[in-house]
Amino acid sequence: MSLTYDIEADWELLTTCNFRCPYCFVPLSALAAKLTTHGTNAQWVEGFAPTRKRWLLHISGGEPSIYPGFIDLCEKLTQLHYLSINSNLAHRSIETFAERINPERIHFINASLHYYERSNKHSLHDFVARVQKLRVRRFCVFVSSVMTPLLLRHFPEISKHFESQGLFLIPKMIRGWFQGKIYPRCILRRRKVSHTRIFSKGTTRLCFHHSRNGRTSNNQYVR
C-alpha cells in the first residue's frame, strides 16, 4: 500500500498510562495524570481542516488506547487522514480498534512489549492474542521492546519464545536515567558489542517486515 499525504507529524495524545515501567522517561506524575480531553473528537478533526492537507499522524502517549473516545477519534480522523499508533495493547479498546478501523488508513501499529510489566500482570497471552488479531485484520504490526540490561541478558530465549508464536521482537535502545545510570552513554564497549549484534538483527527484521507489507511514505515531517 502506498500512502499519499502532505504532512507527517507526531501527536502525543496524552501522558496518562496504564503501565508503570521503571525505564519510562515520562514523569510518574504525568503517567498518573487524570484523563483529560482538550476538545471533542469532532473539534480535533475540524482543527486539521483549515490546513487543507492530508496528514499522517503518529499517535502516542502515555497510552493512547485509554483516551476517552479513542475509537471514535480514529474513525473520524481516518476518513481523510492516515494514522500510526504506538500502544502497549493492554486496553480492551484495541479489540474494537481491530474490528472497526480501516487497516488501509493505518500506516502501522508499534506494539510495545513491556515484558516484565506484562509478566507481573500475567497478561503476555493477551498481548500475543491482540497482535495476532490485528494481523488477521490486515494491520501492519511491529513488536518492539526496550532493551533494559535484564532484558538484554535474556533476549535470545525471550525472542525465541515469541518467534514460535509468529512475533519477531524489534529491540529499542534504552535512553535516559535508569537505575542510577544514563543510557546509552553508560554502556561499556564490551556490552556495546552485544547491543550492536541484537540491534542489527532487529533492524533487518524491521526492514524486511516493512518491505513485505509494501508501506511507503513521503513529504513533510513535523515534530
Protein backbone atom coordinates (compact mmCIF):
# COMPACT_ATOMS: atom_id res chain seq x y z
CA MET A 1 0.00 0.00 0.00
CA SER A 2 1.33 3.41 -1.00
CA LEU A 3 0.38 6.34 1.25
CA THR A 4 -0.18 9.74 -0.29
CA TYR A 5 -0.16 12.58 2.24
CA ASP A 6 1.16 16.11 2.67
CA ILE A 7 2.38 16.39 6.28
CA GLU A 8 3.73 13.84 8.77
CA ALA A 9 3.53 14.68 12.48
CA ASP A 10 3.95 13.19 15.95
CA TRP A 11 0.92 13.61 18.21
CA GLU A 12 1.29 12.92 21.93
CA LEU A 13 -2.39 12.46 22.65
CA LEU A 14 -1.93 12.18 26.43
CA THR A 15 0.69 11.39 29.06
CA THR A 16 -1.50 9.10 31.17
CA CYS A 17 -0.60 5.40 31.02
CA ASN A 18 -1.87 2.12 32.45
CA PHE A 19 1.69 0.81 32.95
CA ARG A 20 4.47 1.94 35.32
CA CYS A 21 7.62 0.78 33.56
CA PRO A 22 10.70 1.78 35.60
CA TYR A 23 12.61 2.87 32.47
CA CYS A 24 9.87 5.17 31.14
CA PHE A 25 11.11 8.72 30.54
CA VAL A 26 7.67 10.23 31.32
CA PRO A 27 7.47 11.50 34.95
CA LEU A 28 5.32 9.42 37.28
CA SER A 29 3.05 12.39 37.96
CA ALA A 30 2.32 12.65 34.24
CA LEU A 31 1.74 8.90 33.84
CA ALA A 32 -0.76 9.02 36.71
CA ALA A 33 -2.49 12.20 35.50
CA LYS A 34 -6.28 12.20 35.34
CA LEU A 35 -7.55 11.50 31.84
CA THR A 36 -8.32 14.85 30.24
CA THR A 37 -9.68 15.84 26.86
CA HIS A 38 -8.99 19.28 25.42
CA GLY A 39 -11.73 19.16 22.81
CA THR A 40 -14.33 16.86 21.34
CA ASN A 41 -13.30 14.37 18.69
CA ALA A 42 -15.19 16.42 16.12
CA GLN A 43 -13.26 19.53 17.17
CA TRP A 44 -9.95 17.71 16.79
CA VAL A 45 -10.87 16.69 13.25
CA GLU A 46 -12.10 20.19 12.44
CA GLY A 47 -8.76 21.55 13.62
CA PHE A 48 -6.98 19.88 10.71
CA ALA A 49 -9.48 21.07 8.09
CA PRO A 50 -8.09 24.64 7.65
CA THR A 51 -4.71 23.22 6.58
CA ARG A 52 -6.37 21.64 3.52
CA LYS A 53 -3.74 18.93 3.80
CA ARG A 54 -3.83 15.18 4.27
CA TRP A 55 -1.87 14.21 7.40
CA LEU A 56 -0.02 11.12 8.57
CA LEU A 57 -0.34 11.32 12.36
CA HIS A 58 1.85 9.20 14.63
CA ILE A 59 -0.29 8.92 17.77
CA SER A 60 1.44 8.06 21.04
CA GLY A 61 1.33 8.89 24.75
CA GLY A 62 1.19 7.81 27.51
CA GLU A 63 -1.08 5.07 26.29
CA PRO A 64 -3.39 6.32 23.51
CA SER A 65 -5.82 3.38 23.68
CA ILE A 66 -7.11 4.55 27.10
CA TYR A 67 -8.00 8.01 25.76
CA PRO A 68 -11.77 8.67 26.10
CA GLY A 69 -13.45 8.05 22.76
CA PHE A 70 -10.25 6.72 21.20
CA ILE A 71 -12.01 4.51 18.64
CA ASP A 72 -14.38 7.27 17.58
CA LEU A 73 -11.44 9.67 17.21
CA CYS A 74 -9.60 7.19 14.98
CA GLU A 75 -12.70 6.59 12.89
CA LYS A 76 -13.21 10.30 12.31
CA LEU A 77 -9.54 11.04 11.55
CA THR A 78 -9.13 8.15 9.12
CA GLN A 79 -11.93 9.39 6.90
CA LEU A 80 -9.33 11.72 5.37
CA HIS A 81 -6.00 11.19 7.15
CA TYR A 82 -3.62 8.32 7.92
CA LEU A 83 -2.55 7.19 11.38
CA SER A 84 0.11 5.14 13.06
CA ILE A 85 -0.36 4.04 16.67
CA ASN A 86 2.21 3.42 19.41
CA SER A 87 0.49 1.23 22.02
CA ASN A 88 1.13 -1.37 24.70
CA LEU A 89 -2.12 -3.11 23.57
CA ALA A 90 -3.16 -3.52 27.21
CA HIS A 91 -6.59 -1.90 26.93
CA ARG A 92 -9.65 -3.72 25.60
CA SER A 93 -10.33 -0.87 23.15
CA ILE A 94 -7.69 -2.47 20.92
CA GLU A 95 -10.17 -5.30 20.26
CA THR A 96 -12.70 -2.76 18.99
CA PHE A 97 -10.00 -0.94 17.05
CA ALA A 98 -9.21 -4.14 15.14
CA GLU A 99 -12.87 -4.61 14.24
CA ARG A 100 -13.90 -1.07 13.33
CA ILE A 101 -10.90 0.82 11.94
CA ASN A 102 -9.97 0.50 8.26
CA PRO A 103 -6.46 -1.04 8.11
CA GLU A 104 -5.85 0.73 4.80
CA ARG A 105 -5.78 4.02 6.74
CA ILE A 106 -3.29 2.80 9.35
CA HIS A 107 0.35 3.01 8.31
CA PHE A 108 1.48 0.72 11.11
CA ILE A 109 1.00 -0.14 14.77
CA ASN A 110 4.04 -0.25 17.02
CA ALA A 111 3.06 -2.79 19.67
CA SER A 112 5.32 -2.09 22.64
CA LEU A 113 6.07 -5.26 24.57
CA HIS A 114 6.96 -4.39 28.18
CA TYR A 115 7.94 -7.95 29.02
CA TYR A 116 8.41 -7.84 32.78
CA GLU A 117 5.50 -5.47 33.33
CA ARG A 118 3.33 -7.88 31.34
CA SER A 119 4.72 -10.88 33.23
CA ASN A 120 3.81 -9.27 36.56
CA LYS A 121 0.27 -8.72 35.32
CA HIS A 122 0.06 -12.25 33.85
CA SER A 123 -1.01 -10.72 30.54
CA LEU A 124 1.55 -11.88 27.99
CA HIS A 125 -1.07 -14.12 26.41
CA ASP A 126 -3.41 -11.13 25.92
CA PHE A 127 -0.63 -9.22 24.17
CA VAL A 128 0.08 -12.05 21.73
CA ALA A 129 -3.62 -12.59 21.04
CA ARG A 130 -4.18 -8.91 20.25
CA VAL A 131 -1.19 -8.72 17.90
CA GLN A 132 -2.46 -11.79 16.09
CA LYS A 133 -6.00 -10.40 15.86
CA LEU A 134 -4.73 -7.13 14.40
CA ARG A 135 -2.68 -9.01 11.82
CA VAL A 136 -5.63 -11.21 10.87
CA ARG A 137 -7.50 -7.96 10.24
CA ARG A 138 -4.59 -6.97 7.93
CA PHE A 139 -2.99 -4.29 10.11
CA CYS A 140 0.77 -3.87 9.81
CA VAL A 141 2.06 -4.54 13.34
CA PHE A 142 5.63 -4.26 14.60
CA VAL A 143 6.52 -5.63 18.05
CA SER A 144 9.25 -3.74 19.87
CA SER A 145 10.80 -3.95 23.32
CA VAL A 146 13.02 -1.56 25.30
CA MET A 147 16.35 -3.24 25.96
CA THR A 148 17.00 -2.95 29.68
CA PRO A 149 20.12 -4.72 30.97
CA LEU A 150 17.94 -7.56 32.31
CA LEU A 151 16.07 -7.99 29.04
CA LEU A 152 19.33 -7.83 27.10
CA ARG A 153 20.68 -10.79 29.09
CA HIS A 154 17.60 -12.89 28.37
CA PHE A 155 16.76 -11.55 24.92
CA PRO A 156 17.76 -14.68 22.94
CA GLU A 157 15.39 -17.00 24.81
CA ILE A 158 12.60 -14.41 25.12
CA SER A 159 12.88 -13.59 21.44
CA LYS A 160 12.81 -17.27 20.51
CA HIS A 161 9.67 -17.80 22.60
CA PHE A 162 7.78 -15.07 20.75
CA GLU A 163 9.12 -16.15 17.37
CA SER A 164 7.46 -19.52 17.96
CA GLN A 165 4.16 -17.60 18.05
CA GLY A 166 4.91 -15.56 14.94
CA LEU A 167 6.06 -12.41 16.75
CA PHE A 168 9.52 -11.03 15.96
CA LEU A 169 10.85 -8.63 18.60
CA ILE A 170 12.48 -5.40 17.44
CA PRO A 171 14.89 -4.11 20.13
CA LYS A 172 14.70 -0.45 21.16
CA MET A 173 17.64 1.33 22.75
CA ILE A 174 17.01 2.36 26.34
CA ARG A 175 17.55 6.11 26.82
CA GLY A 176 17.71 8.42 29.82
CA TRP A 177 18.08 7.69 33.54
CA PHE A 178 17.60 4.11 34.67
CA GLN A 179 18.86 2.51 37.88
CA GLY A 180 21.19 5.43 38.56
CA LYS A 181 22.81 5.46 35.12
CA ILE A 182 22.37 7.45 31.92
CA TYR A 183 21.68 5.31 28.87
CA PRO A 184 23.05 4.66 26.32
CA ARG A 185 26.13 6.59 27.50
CA CYS A 186 26.94 4.17 30.30
CA ILE A 187 27.08 1.06 28.12
CA LEU A 188 30.61 -0.33 28.18
CA ARG A 189 32.38 -1.31 24.97
CA ARG A 190 32.04 -5.00 25.81
CA ARG A 191 28.29 -4.66 26.17
CA LYS A 192 28.05 -2.47 23.09
CA VAL A 193 29.07 -5.49 21.06
CA SER A 194 26.03 -7.39 22.36
CA HIS A 195 23.79 -4.38 21.76
CA THR A 196 25.13 -3.92 18.23
CA ARG A 197 24.57 -7.57 17.35
CA ILE A 198 21.00 -7.57 18.65
CA PHE A 199 20.08 -4.18 17.18
CA SER A 200 21.48 -5.18 13.78
CA LYS A 201 19.19 -8.21 13.78
CA GLY A 202 16.28 -6.02 14.84
CA THR A 203 16.91 -3.56 12.01
CA THR A 204 16.98 -6.41 9.50
CA ARG A 205 13.65 -7.69 10.80
CA LEU A 206 12.10 -4.23 10.64
CA CYS A 207 13.28 -3.57 7.08
CA PHE A 208 12.09 -6.98 5.89
CA HIS A 209 8.68 -6.61 7.56
CA HIS A 210 8.28 -3.05 6.24
CA SER A 211 9.22 -4.07 2.70
CA ARG A 212 7.00 -7.14 2.77
CA ASN A 213 3.99 -5.02 3.64
CA GLY A 214 4.73 -2.55 0.86
CA ARG A 215 4.41 0.53 3.03
CA THR A 216 5.85 3.76 1.66
CA SER A 217 5.70 7.35 2.82
CA ASN A 218 6.58 10.82 1.63
CA ASN A 219 6.74 14.58 2.15
CA GLN A 220 6.92 16.84 5.23
CA TYR A 221 7.56 15.73 8.80
CA VAL A 222 6.58 17.76 11.87
CA ARG A 223 7.55 17.02 15.47
